[in-house]
Amino acid sequence: SAGSSPGVAAGQASPGSPATVSVP
């Protein structure tokens, strides 16, 4: 349903490009 995000990545990282994500 709208608003839920199972399995959806909260960020994307690659060599030289880190990602910052919120962890509940």
PDBML (XML) file of the C-alpha atoms, coordinates in Angstrom:
<?xml version="1.0" encoding="UTF-8" ?>
<PDBx:datablock datablockName="MODEL"
   xmlns:PDBx="http://pdbml.pdb.org/schema/pdbx-v50.xsd"
   xmlns:xsi="http://www.w3.org/2001/XMLSchema-instance"
   xsi:schemaLocation="http://pdbml.pdb.org/schema/pdbx-v50.xsd pdbx-v50.xsd">
   <PDBx:atom_siteCategory>
      <PDBx:atom_site id="1">
         <PDBx:B_iso_or_equiv>0.00</PDBx:B_iso_or_equiv>
         <PDBx:Cartn_x>0.000</PDBx:Cartn_x>
         <PDBx:Cartn_y>0.000</PDBx:Cartn_y>
         <PDBx:Cartn_z>0.000</PDBx:Cartn_z>
         <PDBx:auth_asym_id>A</PDBx:auth_asym_id>
         <PDBx:auth_atom_id>CA</PDBx:auth_atom_id>
         <PDBx:auth_comp_id>SER</PDBx:auth_comp_id>
         <PDBx:auth_seq_id>1</PDBx:auth_seq_id>
         <PDBx:group_PDB>ATOM</PDBx:group_PDB>
         <PDBx:label_alt_id xsi:nil="true" />
         <PDBx:label_asym_id>A</PDBx:label_asym_id>
         <PDBx:label_atom_id>CA</PDBx:label_atom_id>
         <PDBx:label_comp_id>SER</PDBx:label_comp_id>
         <PDBx:label_entity_id>1</PDBx:label_entity_id>
         <PDBx:label_seq_id>1</PDBx:label_seq_id>
         <PDBx:occupancy>1.00</PDBx:occupancy>
         <PDBx:pdbx_PDB_model_num>1</PDBx:pdbx_PDB_model_num>
         <PDBx:type_symbol>C</PDBx:type_symbol>
      </PDBx:atom_site>
      <PDBx:atom_site id="2">
         <PDBx:B_iso_or_equiv>0.00</PDBx:B_iso_or_equiv>
         <PDBx:Cartn_x>0.994</PDBx:Cartn_x>
         <PDBx:Cartn_y>3.647</PDBx:Cartn_y>
         <PDBx:Cartn_z>-0.350</PDBx:Cartn_z>
         <PDBx:auth_asym_id>A</PDBx:auth_asym_id>
         <PDBx:auth_atom_id>CA</PDBx:auth_atom_id>
         <PDBx:auth_comp_id>ALA</PDBx:auth_comp_id>
         <PDBx:auth_seq_id>2</PDBx:auth_seq_id>
         <PDBx:group_PDB>ATOM</PDBx:group_PDB>
         <PDBx:label_alt_id xsi:nil="true" />
         <PDBx:label_asym_id>A</PDBx:label_asym_id>
         <PDBx:label_atom_id>CA</PDBx:label_atom_id>
         <PDBx:label_comp_id>ALA</PDBx:label_comp_id>
         <PDBx:label_entity_id>1</PDBx:label_entity_id>
         <PDBx:label_seq_id>2</PDBx:label_seq_id>
         <PDBx:occupancy>1.00</PDBx:occupancy>
         <PDBx:pdbx_PDB_model_num>1</PDBx:pdbx_PDB_model_num>
         <PDBx:type_symbol>C</PDBx:type_symbol>
      </PDBx:atom_site>
      <PDBx:atom_site id="3">
         <PDBx:B_iso_or_equiv>0.00</PDBx:B_iso_or_equiv>
         <PDBx:Cartn_x>3.493</PDBx:Cartn_x>
         <PDBx:Cartn_y>4.721</PDBx:Cartn_y>
         <PDBx:Cartn_z>2.326</PDBx:Cartn_z>
         <PDBx:auth_asym_id>A</PDBx:auth_asym_id>
         <PDBx:auth_atom_id>CA</PDBx:auth_atom_id>
         <PDBx:auth_comp_id>GLY</PDBx:auth_comp_id>
         <PDBx:auth_seq_id>3</PDBx:auth_seq_id>
         <PDBx:group_PDB>ATOM</PDBx:group_PDB>
         <PDBx:label_alt_id xsi:nil="true" />
         <PDBx:label_asym_id>A</PDBx:label_asym_id>
         <PDBx:label_atom_id>CA</PDBx:label_atom_id>
         <PDBx:label_comp_id>GLY</PDBx:label_comp_id>
         <PDBx:label_entity_id>1</PDBx:label_entity_id>
         <PDBx:label_seq_id>3</PDBx:label_seq_id>
         <PDBx:occupancy>1.00</PDBx:occupancy>
         <PDBx:pdbx_PDB_model_num>1</PDBx:pdbx_PDB_model_num>
         <PDBx:type_symbol>C</PDBx:type_symbol>
      </PDBx:atom_site>
      <PDBx:atom_site id="4">
         <PDBx:B_iso_or_equiv>0.00</PDBx:B_iso_or_equiv>
         <PDBx:Cartn_x>4.955</PDBx:Cartn_x>
         <PDBx:Cartn_y>1.271</PDBx:Cartn_y>
         <PDBx:Cartn_z>3.001</PDBx:Cartn_z>
         <PDBx:auth_asym_id>A</PDBx:auth_asym_id>
         <PDBx:auth_atom_id>CA</PDBx:auth_atom_id>
         <PDBx:auth_comp_id>SER</PDBx:auth_comp_id>
         <PDBx:auth_seq_id>4</PDBx:auth_seq_id>
         <PDBx:group_PDB>ATOM</PDBx:group_PDB>
         <PDBx:label_alt_id xsi:nil="true" />
         <PDBx:label_asym_id>A</PDBx:label_asym_id>
         <PDBx:label_atom_id>CA</PDBx:label_atom_id>
         <PDBx:label_comp_id>SER</PDBx:label_comp_id>
         <PDBx:label_entity_id>1</PDBx:label_entity_id>
         <PDBx:label_seq_id>4</PDBx:label_seq_id>
         <PDBx:occupancy>1.00</PDBx:occupancy>
         <PDBx:pdbx_PDB_model_num>1</PDBx:pdbx_PDB_model_num>
         <PDBx:type_symbol>C</PDBx:type_symbol>
      </PDBx:atom_site>
      <PDBx:atom_site id="5">
         <PDBx:B_iso_or_equiv>0.00</PDBx:B_iso_or_equiv>
         <PDBx:Cartn_x>8.406</PDBx:Cartn_x>
         <PDBx:Cartn_y>0.417</PDBx:Cartn_y>
         <PDBx:Cartn_z>1.665</PDBx:Cartn_z>
         <PDBx:auth_asym_id>A</PDBx:auth_asym_id>
         <PDBx:auth_atom_id>CA</PDBx:auth_atom_id>
         <PDBx:auth_comp_id>SER</PDBx:auth_comp_id>
         <PDBx:auth_seq_id>5</PDBx:auth_seq_id>
         <PDBx:group_PDB>ATOM</PDBx:group_PDB>
         <PDBx:label_alt_id xsi:nil="true" />
         <PDBx:label_asym_id>A</PDBx:label_asym_id>
         <PDBx:label_atom_id>CA</PDBx:label_atom_id>
         <PDBx:label_comp_id>SER</PDBx:label_comp_id>
         <PDBx:label_entity_id>1</PDBx:label_entity_id>
         <PDBx:label_seq_id>5</PDBx:label_seq_id>
         <PDBx:occupancy>1.00</PDBx:occupancy>
         <PDBx:pdbx_PDB_model_num>1</PDBx:pdbx_PDB_model_num>
         <PDBx:type_symbol>C</PDBx:type_symbol>
      </PDBx:atom_site>
      <PDBx:atom_site id="6">
         <PDBx:B_iso_or_equiv>0.00</PDBx:B_iso_or_equiv>
         <PDBx:Cartn_x>9.368</PDBx:Cartn_x>
         <PDBx:Cartn_y>-3.222</PDBx:Cartn_y>
         <PDBx:Cartn_z>2.270</PDBx:Cartn_z>
         <PDBx:auth_asym_id>A</PDBx:auth_asym_id>
         <PDBx:auth_atom_id>CA</PDBx:auth_atom_id>
         <PDBx:auth_comp_id>PRO</PDBx:auth_comp_id>
         <PDBx:auth_seq_id>6</PDBx:auth_seq_id>
         <PDBx:group_PDB>ATOM</PDBx:group_PDB>
         <PDBx:label_alt_id xsi:nil="true" />
         <PDBx:label_asym_id>A</PDBx:label_asym_id>
         <PDBx:label_atom_id>CA</PDBx:label_atom_id>
         <PDBx:label_comp_id>PRO</PDBx:label_comp_id>
         <PDBx:label_entity_id>1</PDBx:label_entity_id>
         <PDBx:label_seq_id>6</PDBx:label_seq_id>
         <PDBx:occupancy>1.00</PDBx:occupancy>
         <PDBx:pdbx_PDB_model_num>1</PDBx:pdbx_PDB_model_num>
         <PDBx:type_symbol>C</PDBx:type_symbol>
      </PDBx:atom_site>
      <PDBx:atom_site id="7">
         <PDBx:B_iso_or_equiv>0.00</PDBx:B_iso_or_equiv>
         <PDBx:Cartn_x>12.511</PDBx:Cartn_x>
         <PDBx:Cartn_y>-4.056</PDBx:Cartn_y>
         <PDBx:Cartn_z>0.327</PDBx:Cartn_z>
         <PDBx:auth_asym_id>A</PDBx:auth_asym_id>
         <PDBx:auth_atom_id>CA</PDBx:auth_atom_id>
         <PDBx:auth_comp_id>GLY</PDBx:auth_comp_id>
         <PDBx:auth_seq_id>7</PDBx:auth_seq_id>
         <PDBx:group_PDB>ATOM</PDBx:group_PDB>
         <PDBx:label_alt_id xsi:nil="true" />
         <PDBx:label_asym_id>A</PDBx:label_asym_id>
         <PDBx:label_atom_id>CA</PDBx:label_atom_id>
         <PDBx:label_comp_id>GLY</PDBx:label_comp_id>
         <PDBx:label_entity_id>1</PDBx:label_entity_id>
         <PDBx:label_seq_id>7</PDBx:label_seq_id>
         <PDBx:occupancy>1.00</PDBx:occupancy>
         <PDBx:pdbx_PDB_model_num>1</PDBx:pdbx_PDB_model_num>
         <PDBx:type_symbol>C</PDBx:type_symbol>
      </PDBx:atom_site>
      <PDBx:atom_site id="8">
         <PDBx:B_iso_or_equiv>0.00</PDBx:B_iso_or_equiv>
         <PDBx:Cartn_x>12.945</PDBx:Cartn_x>
         <PDBx:Cartn_y>-0.489</PDBx:Cartn_y>
         <PDBx:Cartn_z>-0.948</PDBx:Cartn_z>
         <PDBx:auth_asym_id>A</PDBx:auth_asym_id>
         <PDBx:auth_atom_id>CA</PDBx:auth_atom_id>
         <PDBx:auth_comp_id>VAL</PDBx:auth_comp_id>
         <PDBx:auth_seq_id>8</PDBx:auth_seq_id>
         <PDBx:group_PDB>ATOM</PDBx:group_PDB>
         <PDBx:label_alt_id xsi:nil="true" />
         <PDBx:label_asym_id>A</PDBx:label_asym_id>
         <PDBx:label_atom_id>CA</PDBx:label_atom_id>
         <PDBx:label_comp_id>VAL</PDBx:label_comp_id>
         <PDBx:label_entity_id>1</PDBx:label_entity_id>
         <PDBx:label_seq_id>8</PDBx:label_seq_id>
         <PDBx:occupancy>1.00</PDBx:occupancy>
         <PDBx:pdbx_PDB_model_num>1</PDBx:pdbx_PDB_model_num>
         <PDBx:type_symbol>C</PDBx:type_symbol>
      </PDBx:atom_site>
      <PDBx:atom_site id="9">
         <PDBx:B_iso_or_equiv>0.00</PDBx:B_iso_or_equiv>
         <PDBx:Cartn_x>16.452</PDBx:Cartn_x>
         <PDBx:Cartn_y>0.925</PDBx:Cartn_y>
         <PDBx:Cartn_z>-0.527</PDBx:Cartn_z>
         <PDBx:auth_asym_id>A</PDBx:auth_asym_id>
         <PDBx:auth_atom_id>CA</PDBx:auth_atom_id>
         <PDBx:auth_comp_id>ALA</PDBx:auth_comp_id>
         <PDBx:auth_seq_id>9</PDBx:auth_seq_id>
         <PDBx:group_PDB>ATOM</PDBx:group_PDB>
         <PDBx:label_alt_id xsi:nil="true" />
         <PDBx:label_asym_id>A</PDBx:label_asym_id>
         <PDBx:label_atom_id>CA</PDBx:label_atom_id>
         <PDBx:label_comp_id>ALA</PDBx:label_comp_id>
         <PDBx:label_entity_id>1</PDBx:label_entity_id>
         <PDBx:label_seq_id>9</PDBx:label_seq_id>
         <PDBx:occupancy>1.00</PDBx:occupancy>
         <PDBx:pdbx_PDB_model_num>1</PDBx:pdbx_PDB_model_num>
         <PDBx:type_symbol>C</PDBx:type_symbol>
      </PDBx:atom_site>
      <PDBx:atom_site id="10">
         <PDBx:B_iso_or_equiv>0.00</PDBx:B_iso_or_equiv>
         <PDBx:Cartn_x>16.694</PDBx:Cartn_x>
         <PDBx:Cartn_y>4.171</PDBx:Cartn_y>
         <PDBx:Cartn_z>1.430</PDBx:Cartn_z>
         <PDBx:auth_asym_id>A</PDBx:auth_asym_id>
         <PDBx:auth_atom_id>CA</PDBx:auth_atom_id>
         <PDBx:auth_comp_id>ALA</PDBx:auth_comp_id>
         <PDBx:auth_seq_id>10</PDBx:auth_seq_id>
         <PDBx:group_PDB>ATOM</PDBx:group_PDB>
         <PDBx:label_alt_id xsi:nil="true" />
         <PDBx:label_asym_id>A</PDBx:label_asym_id>
         <PDBx:label_atom_id>CA</PDBx:label_atom_id>
         <PDBx:label_comp_id>ALA</PDBx:label_comp_id>
         <PDBx:label_entity_id>1</PDBx:label_entity_id>
         <PDBx:label_seq_id>10</PDBx:label_seq_id>
         <PDBx:occupancy>1.00</PDBx:occupancy>
         <PDBx:pdbx_PDB_model_num>1</PDBx:pdbx_PDB_model_num>
         <PDBx:type_symbol>C</PDBx:type_symbol>
      </PDBx:atom_site>
      <PDBx:atom_site id="11">
         <PDBx:B_iso_or_equiv>0.00</PDBx:B_iso_or_equiv>
         <PDBx:Cartn_x>19.982</PDBx:Cartn_x>
         <PDBx:Cartn_y>5.125</PDBx:Cartn_y>
         <PDBx:Cartn_z>-0.243</PDBx:Cartn_z>
         <PDBx:auth_asym_id>A</PDBx:auth_asym_id>
         <PDBx:auth_atom_id>CA</PDBx:auth_atom_id>
         <PDBx:auth_comp_id>GLY</PDBx:auth_comp_id>
         <PDBx:auth_seq_id>11</PDBx:auth_seq_id>
         <PDBx:group_PDB>ATOM</PDBx:group_PDB>
         <PDBx:label_alt_id xsi:nil="true" />
         <PDBx:label_asym_id>A</PDBx:label_asym_id>
         <PDBx:label_atom_id>CA</PDBx:label_atom_id>
         <PDBx:label_comp_id>GLY</PDBx:label_comp_id>
         <PDBx:label_entity_id>1</PDBx:label_entity_id>
         <PDBx:label_seq_id>11</PDBx:label_seq_id>
         <PDBx:occupancy>1.00</PDBx:occupancy>
         <PDBx:pdbx_PDB_model_num>1</PDBx:pdbx_PDB_model_num>
         <PDBx:type_symbol>C</PDBx:type_symbol>
      </PDBx:atom_site>
      <PDBx:atom_site id="12">
         <PDBx:B_iso_or_equiv>0.00</PDBx:B_iso_or_equiv>
         <PDBx:Cartn_x>22.547</PDBx:Cartn_x>
         <PDBx:Cartn_y>4.121</PDBx:Cartn_y>
         <PDBx:Cartn_z>-2.839</PDBx:Cartn_z>
         <PDBx:auth_asym_id>A</PDBx:auth_asym_id>
         <PDBx:auth_atom_id>CA</PDBx:auth_atom_id>
         <PDBx:auth_comp_id>GLN</PDBx:auth_comp_id>
         <PDBx:auth_seq_id>12</PDBx:auth_seq_id>
         <PDBx:group_PDB>ATOM</PDBx:group_PDB>
         <PDBx:label_alt_id xsi:nil="true" />
         <PDBx:label_asym_id>A</PDBx:label_asym_id>
         <PDBx:label_atom_id>CA</PDBx:label_atom_id>
         <PDBx:label_comp_id>GLN</PDBx:label_comp_id>
         <PDBx:label_entity_id>1</PDBx:label_entity_id>
         <PDBx:label_seq_id>12</PDBx:label_seq_id>
         <PDBx:occupancy>1.00</PDBx:occupancy>
         <PDBx:pdbx_PDB_model_num>1</PDBx:pdbx_PDB_model_num>
         <PDBx:type_symbol>C</PDBx:type_symbol>
      </PDBx:atom_site>
      <PDBx:atom_site id="13">
         <PDBx:B_iso_or_equiv>0.00</PDBx:B_iso_or_equiv>
         <PDBx:Cartn_x>26.325</PDBx:Cartn_x>
         <PDBx:Cartn_y>3.848</PDBx:Cartn_y>
         <PDBx:Cartn_z>-2.460</PDBx:Cartn_z>
         <PDBx:auth_asym_id>A</PDBx:auth_asym_id>
         <PDBx:auth_atom_id>CA</PDBx:auth_atom_id>
         <PDBx:auth_comp_id>ALA</PDBx:auth_comp_id>
         <PDBx:auth_seq_id>13</PDBx:auth_seq_id>
         <PDBx:group_PDB>ATOM</PDBx:group_PDB>
         <PDBx:label_alt_id xsi:nil="true" />
         <PDBx:label_asym_id>A</PDBx:label_asym_id>
         <PDBx:label_atom_id>CA</PDBx:label_atom_id>
         <PDBx:label_comp_id>ALA</PDBx:label_comp_id>
         <PDBx:label_entity_id>1</PDBx:label_entity_id>
         <PDBx:label_seq_id>13</PDBx:label_seq_id>
         <PDBx:occupancy>1.00</PDBx:occupancy>
         <PDBx:pdbx_PDB_model_num>1</PDBx:pdbx_PDB_model_num>
         <PDBx:type_symbol>C</PDBx:type_symbol>
      </PDBx:atom_site>
      <PDBx:atom_site id="14">
         <PDBx:B_iso_or_equiv>0.00</PDBx:B_iso_or_equiv>
         <PDBx:Cartn_x>29.118</PDBx:Cartn_x>
         <PDBx:Cartn_y>3.154</PDBx:Cartn_y>
         <PDBx:Cartn_z>-4.932</PDBx:Cartn_z>
         <PDBx:auth_asym_id>A</PDBx:auth_asym_id>
         <PDBx:auth_atom_id>CA</PDBx:auth_atom_id>
         <PDBx:auth_comp_id>SER</PDBx:auth_comp_id>
         <PDBx:auth_seq_id>14</PDBx:auth_seq_id>
         <PDBx:group_PDB>ATOM</PDBx:group_PDB>
         <PDBx:label_alt_id xsi:nil="true" />
         <PDBx:label_asym_id>A</PDBx:label_asym_id>
         <PDBx:label_atom_id>CA</PDBx:label_atom_id>
         <PDBx:label_comp_id>SER</PDBx:label_comp_id>
         <PDBx:label_entity_id>1</PDBx:label_entity_id>
         <PDBx:label_seq_id>14</PDBx:label_seq_id>
         <PDBx:occupancy>1.00</PDBx:occupancy>
         <PDBx:pdbx_PDB_model_num>1</PDBx:pdbx_PDB_model_num>
         <PDBx:type_symbol>C</PDBx:type_symbol>
      </PDBx:atom_site>
      <PDBx:atom_site id="15">
         <PDBx:B_iso_or_equiv>0.00</PDBx:B_iso_or_equiv>
         <PDBx:Cartn_x>32.925</PDBx:Cartn_x>
         <PDBx:Cartn_y>3.503</PDBx:Cartn_y>
         <PDBx:Cartn_z>-4.845</PDBx:Cartn_z>
         <PDBx:auth_asym_id>A</PDBx:auth_asym_id>
         <PDBx:auth_atom_id>CA</PDBx:auth_atom_id>
         <PDBx:auth_comp_id>PRO</PDBx:auth_comp_id>
         <PDBx:auth_seq_id>15</PDBx:auth_seq_id>
         <PDBx:group_PDB>ATOM</PDBx:group_PDB>
         <PDBx:label_alt_id xsi:nil="true" />
         <PDBx:label_asym_id>A</PDBx:label_asym_id>
         <PDBx:label_atom_id>CA</PDBx:label_atom_id>
         <PDBx:label_comp_id>PRO</PDBx:label_comp_id>
         <PDBx:label_entity_id>1</PDBx:label_entity_id>
         <PDBx:label_seq_id>15</PDBx:label_seq_id>
         <PDBx:occupancy>1.00</PDBx:occupancy>
         <PDBx:pdbx_PDB_model_num>1</PDBx:pdbx_PDB_model_num>
         <PDBx:type_symbol>C</PDBx:type_symbol>
      </PDBx:atom_site>
      <PDBx:atom_site id="16">
         <PDBx:B_iso_or_equiv>0.00</PDBx:B_iso_or_equiv>
         <PDBx:Cartn_x>33.631</PDBx:Cartn_x>
         <PDBx:Cartn_y>7.165</PDBx:Cartn_y>
         <PDBx:Cartn_z>-4.128</PDBx:Cartn_z>
         <PDBx:auth_asym_id>A</PDBx:auth_asym_id>
         <PDBx:auth_atom_id>CA</PDBx:auth_atom_id>
         <PDBx:auth_comp_id>GLY</PDBx:auth_comp_id>
         <PDBx:auth_seq_id>16</PDBx:auth_seq_id>
         <PDBx:group_PDB>ATOM</PDBx:group_PDB>
         <PDBx:label_alt_id xsi:nil="true" />
         <PDBx:label_asym_id>A</PDBx:label_asym_id>
         <PDBx:label_atom_id>CA</PDBx:label_atom_id>
         <PDBx:label_comp_id>GLY</PDBx:label_comp_id>
         <PDBx:label_entity_id>1</PDBx:label_entity_id>
         <PDBx:label_seq_id>16</PDBx:label_seq_id>
         <PDBx:occupancy>1.00</PDBx:occupancy>
         <PDBx:pdbx_PDB_model_num>1</PDBx:pdbx_PDB_model_num>
         <PDBx:type_symbol>C</PDBx:type_symbol>
      </PDBx:atom_site>
      <PDBx:atom_site id="17">
         <PDBx:B_iso_or_equiv>0.00</PDBx:B_iso_or_equiv>
         <PDBx:Cartn_x>29.954</PDBx:Cartn_x>
         <PDBx:Cartn_y>7.949</PDBx:Cartn_y>
         <PDBx:Cartn_z>-3.360</PDBx:Cartn_z>
         <PDBx:auth_asym_id>A</PDBx:auth_asym_id>
         <PDBx:auth_atom_id>CA</PDBx:auth_atom_id>
         <PDBx:auth_comp_id>SER</PDBx:auth_comp_id>
         <PDBx:auth_seq_id>17</PDBx:auth_seq_id>
         <PDBx:group_PDB>ATOM</PDBx:group_PDB>
         <PDBx:label_alt_id xsi:nil="true" />
         <PDBx:label_asym_id>A</PDBx:label_asym_id>
         <PDBx:label_atom_id>CA</PDBx:label_atom_id>
         <PDBx:label_comp_id>SER</PDBx:label_comp_id>
         <PDBx:label_entity_id>1</PDBx:label_entity_id>
         <PDBx:label_seq_id>17</PDBx:label_seq_id>
         <PDBx:occupancy>1.00</PDBx:occupancy>
         <PDBx:pdbx_PDB_model_num>1</PDBx:pdbx_PDB_model_num>
         <PDBx:type_symbol>C</PDBx:type_symbol>
      </PDBx:atom_site>
      <PDBx:atom_site id="18">
         <PDBx:B_iso_or_equiv>0.00</PDBx:B_iso_or_equiv>
         <PDBx:Cartn_x>28.885</PDBx:Cartn_x>
         <PDBx:Cartn_y>7.036</PDBx:Cartn_y>
         <PDBx:Cartn_z>0.206</PDBx:Cartn_z>
         <PDBx:auth_asym_id>A</PDBx:auth_asym_id>
         <PDBx:auth_atom_id>CA</PDBx:auth_atom_id>
         <PDBx:auth_comp_id>PRO</PDBx:auth_comp_id>
         <PDBx:auth_seq_id>18</PDBx:auth_seq_id>
         <PDBx:group_PDB>ATOM</PDBx:group_PDB>
         <PDBx:label_alt_id xsi:nil="true" />
         <PDBx:label_asym_id>A</PDBx:label_asym_id>
         <PDBx:label_atom_id>CA</PDBx:label_atom_id>
         <PDBx:label_comp_id>PRO</PDBx:label_comp_id>
         <PDBx:label_entity_id>1</PDBx:label_entity_id>
         <PDBx:label_seq_id>18</PDBx:label_seq_id>
         <PDBx:occupancy>1.00</PDBx:occupancy>
         <PDBx:pdbx_PDB_model_num>1</PDBx:pdbx_PDB_model_num>
         <PDBx:type_symbol>C</PDBx:type_symbol>
      </PDBx:atom_site>
      <PDBx:atom_site id="19">
         <PDBx:B_iso_or_equiv>0.00</PDBx:B_iso_or_equiv>
         <PDBx:Cartn_x>25.255</PDBx:Cartn_x>
         <PDBx:Cartn_y>7.092</PDBx:Cartn_y>
         <PDBx:Cartn_z>1.319</PDBx:Cartn_z>
         <PDBx:auth_asym_id>A</PDBx:auth_asym_id>
         <PDBx:auth_atom_id>CA</PDBx:auth_atom_id>
         <PDBx:auth_comp_id>ALA</PDBx:auth_comp_id>
         <PDBx:auth_seq_id>19</PDBx:auth_seq_id>
         <PDBx:group_PDB>ATOM</PDBx:group_PDB>
         <PDBx:label_alt_id xsi:nil="true" />
         <PDBx:label_asym_id>A</PDBx:label_asym_id>
         <PDBx:label_atom_id>CA</PDBx:label_atom_id>
         <PDBx:label_comp_id>ALA</PDBx:label_comp_id>
         <PDBx:label_entity_id>1</PDBx:label_entity_id>
         <PDBx:label_seq_id>19</PDBx:label_seq_id>
         <PDBx:occupancy>1.00</PDBx:occupancy>
         <PDBx:pdbx_PDB_model_num>1</PDBx:pdbx_PDB_model_num>
         <PDBx:type_symbol>C</PDBx:type_symbol>
      </PDBx:atom_site>
      <PDBx:atom_site id="20">
         <PDBx:B_iso_or_equiv>0.00</PDBx:B_iso_or_equiv>
         <PDBx:Cartn_x>23.741</PDBx:Cartn_x>
         <PDBx:Cartn_y>8.303</PDBx:Cartn_y>
         <PDBx:Cartn_z>4.603</PDBx:Cartn_z>
         <PDBx:auth_asym_id>A</PDBx:auth_asym_id>
         <PDBx:auth_atom_id>CA</PDBx:auth_atom_id>
         <PDBx:auth_comp_id>THR</PDBx:auth_comp_id>
         <PDBx:auth_seq_id>20</PDBx:auth_seq_id>
         <PDBx:group_PDB>ATOM</PDBx:group_PDB>
         <PDBx:label_alt_id xsi:nil="true" />
         <PDBx:label_asym_id>A</PDBx:label_asym_id>
         <PDBx:label_atom_id>CA</PDBx:label_atom_id>
         <PDBx:label_comp_id>THR</PDBx:label_comp_id>
         <PDBx:label_entity_id>1</PDBx:label_entity_id>
         <PDBx:label_seq_id>20</PDBx:label_seq_id>
         <PDBx:occupancy>1.00</PDBx:occupancy>
         <PDBx:pdbx_PDB_model_num>1</PDBx:pdbx_PDB_model_num>
         <PDBx:type_symbol>C</PDBx:type_symbol>
      </PDBx:atom_site>
      <PDBx:atom_site id="21">
         <PDBx:B_iso_or_equiv>0.00</PDBx:B_iso_or_equiv>
         <PDBx:Cartn_x>20.513</PDBx:Cartn_x>
         <PDBx:Cartn_y>6.626</PDBx:Cartn_y>
         <PDBx:Cartn_z>5.734</PDBx:Cartn_z>
         <PDBx:auth_asym_id>A</PDBx:auth_asym_id>
         <PDBx:auth_atom_id>CA</PDBx:auth_atom_id>
         <PDBx:auth_comp_id>VAL</PDBx:auth_comp_id>
         <PDBx:auth_seq_id>21</PDBx:auth_seq_id>
         <PDBx:group_PDB>ATOM</PDBx:group_PDB>
         <PDBx:label_alt_id xsi:nil="true" />
         <PDBx:label_asym_id>A</PDBx:label_asym_id>
         <PDBx:label_atom_id>CA</PDBx:label_atom_id>
         <PDBx:label_comp_id>VAL</PDBx:label_comp_id>
         <PDBx:label_entity_id>1</PDBx:label_entity_id>
         <PDBx:label_seq_id>21</PDBx:label_seq_id>
         <PDBx:occupancy>1.00</PDBx:occupancy>
         <PDBx:pdbx_PDB_model_num>1</PDBx:pdbx_PDB_model_num>
         <PDBx:type_symbol>C</PDBx:type_symbol>
      </PDBx:atom_site>
      <PDBx:atom_site id="22">
         <PDBx:B_iso_or_equiv>0.00</PDBx:B_iso_or_equiv>
         <PDBx:Cartn_x>18.253</PDBx:Cartn_x>
         <PDBx:Cartn_y>6.877</PDBx:Cartn_y>
         <PDBx:Cartn_z>8.770</PDBx:Cartn_z>
         <PDBx:auth_asym_id>A</PDBx:auth_asym_id>
         <PDBx:auth_atom_id>CA</PDBx:auth_atom_id>
         <PDBx:auth_comp_id>SER</PDBx:auth_comp_id>
         <PDBx:auth_seq_id>22</PDBx:auth_seq_id>
         <PDBx:group_PDB>ATOM</PDBx:group_PDB>
         <PDBx:label_alt_id xsi:nil="true" />
         <PDBx:label_asym_id>A</PDBx:label_asym_id>
         <PDBx:label_atom_id>CA</PDBx:label_atom_id>
         <PDBx:label_comp_id>SER</PDBx:label_comp_id>
         <PDBx:label_entity_id>1</PDBx:label_entity_id>
         <PDBx:label_seq_id>22</PDBx:label_seq_id>
         <PDBx:occupancy>1.00</PDBx:occupancy>
         <PDBx:pdbx_PDB_model_num>1</PDBx:pdbx_PDB_model_num>
         <PDBx:type_symbol>C</PDBx:type_symbol>
      </PDBx:atom_site>
      <PDBx:atom_site id="23">
         <PDBx:B_iso_or_equiv>0.00</PDBx:B_iso_or_equiv>
         <PDBx:Cartn_x>18.039</PDBx:Cartn_x>
         <PDBx:Cartn_y>3.689</PDBx:Cartn_y>
         <PDBx:Cartn_z>10.837</PDBx:Cartn_z>
         <PDBx:auth_asym_id>A</PDBx:auth_asym_id>
         <PDBx:auth_atom_id>CA</PDBx:auth_atom_id>
         <PDBx:auth_comp_id>VAL</PDBx:auth_comp_id>
         <PDBx:auth_seq_id>23</PDBx:auth_seq_id>
         <PDBx:group_PDB>ATOM</PDBx:group_PDB>
         <PDBx:label_alt_id xsi:nil="true" />
         <PDBx:label_asym_id>A</PDBx:label_asym_id>
         <PDBx:label_atom_id>CA</PDBx:label_atom_id>
         <PDBx:label_comp_id>VAL</PDBx:label_comp_id>
         <PDBx:label_entity_id>1</PDBx:label_entity_id>
         <PDBx:label_seq_id>23</PDBx:label_seq_id>
         <PDBx:occupancy>1.00</PDBx:occupancy>
         <PDBx:pdbx_PDB_model_num>1</PDBx:pdbx_PDB_model_num>
         <PDBx:type_symbol>C</PDBx:type_symbol>
      </PDBx:atom_site>
      <PDBx:atom_site id="24">
         <PDBx:B_iso_or_equiv>0.00</PDBx:B_iso_or_equiv>
         <PDBx:Cartn_x>14.936</PDBx:Cartn_x>
         <PDBx:Cartn_y>3.427</PDBx:Cartn_y>
         <PDBx:Cartn_z>13.094</PDBx:Cartn_z>
         <PDBx:auth_asym_id>A</PDBx:auth_asym_id>
         <PDBx:auth_atom_id>CA</PDBx:auth_atom_id>
         <PDBx:auth_comp_id>PRO</PDBx:auth_comp_id>
         <PDBx:auth_seq_id>24</PDBx:auth_seq_id>
         <PDBx:group_PDB>ATOM</PDBx:group_PDB>
         <PDBx:label_alt_id xsi:nil="true" />
         <PDBx:label_asym_id>A</PDBx:label_asym_id>
         <PDBx:label_atom_id>CA</PDBx:label_atom_id>
         <PDBx:label_comp_id>PRO</PDBx:label_comp_id>
         <PDBx:label_entity_id>1</PDBx:label_entity_id>
         <PDBx:label_seq_id>24</PDBx:label_seq_id>
         <PDBx:occupancy>1.00</PDBx:occupancy>
         <PDBx:pdbx_PDB_model_num>1</PDBx:pdbx_PDB_model_num>
         <PDBx:type_symbol>C</PDBx:type_symbol>
      </PDBx:atom_site>
   </PDBx:atom_siteCategory>
</PDBx:datablock>
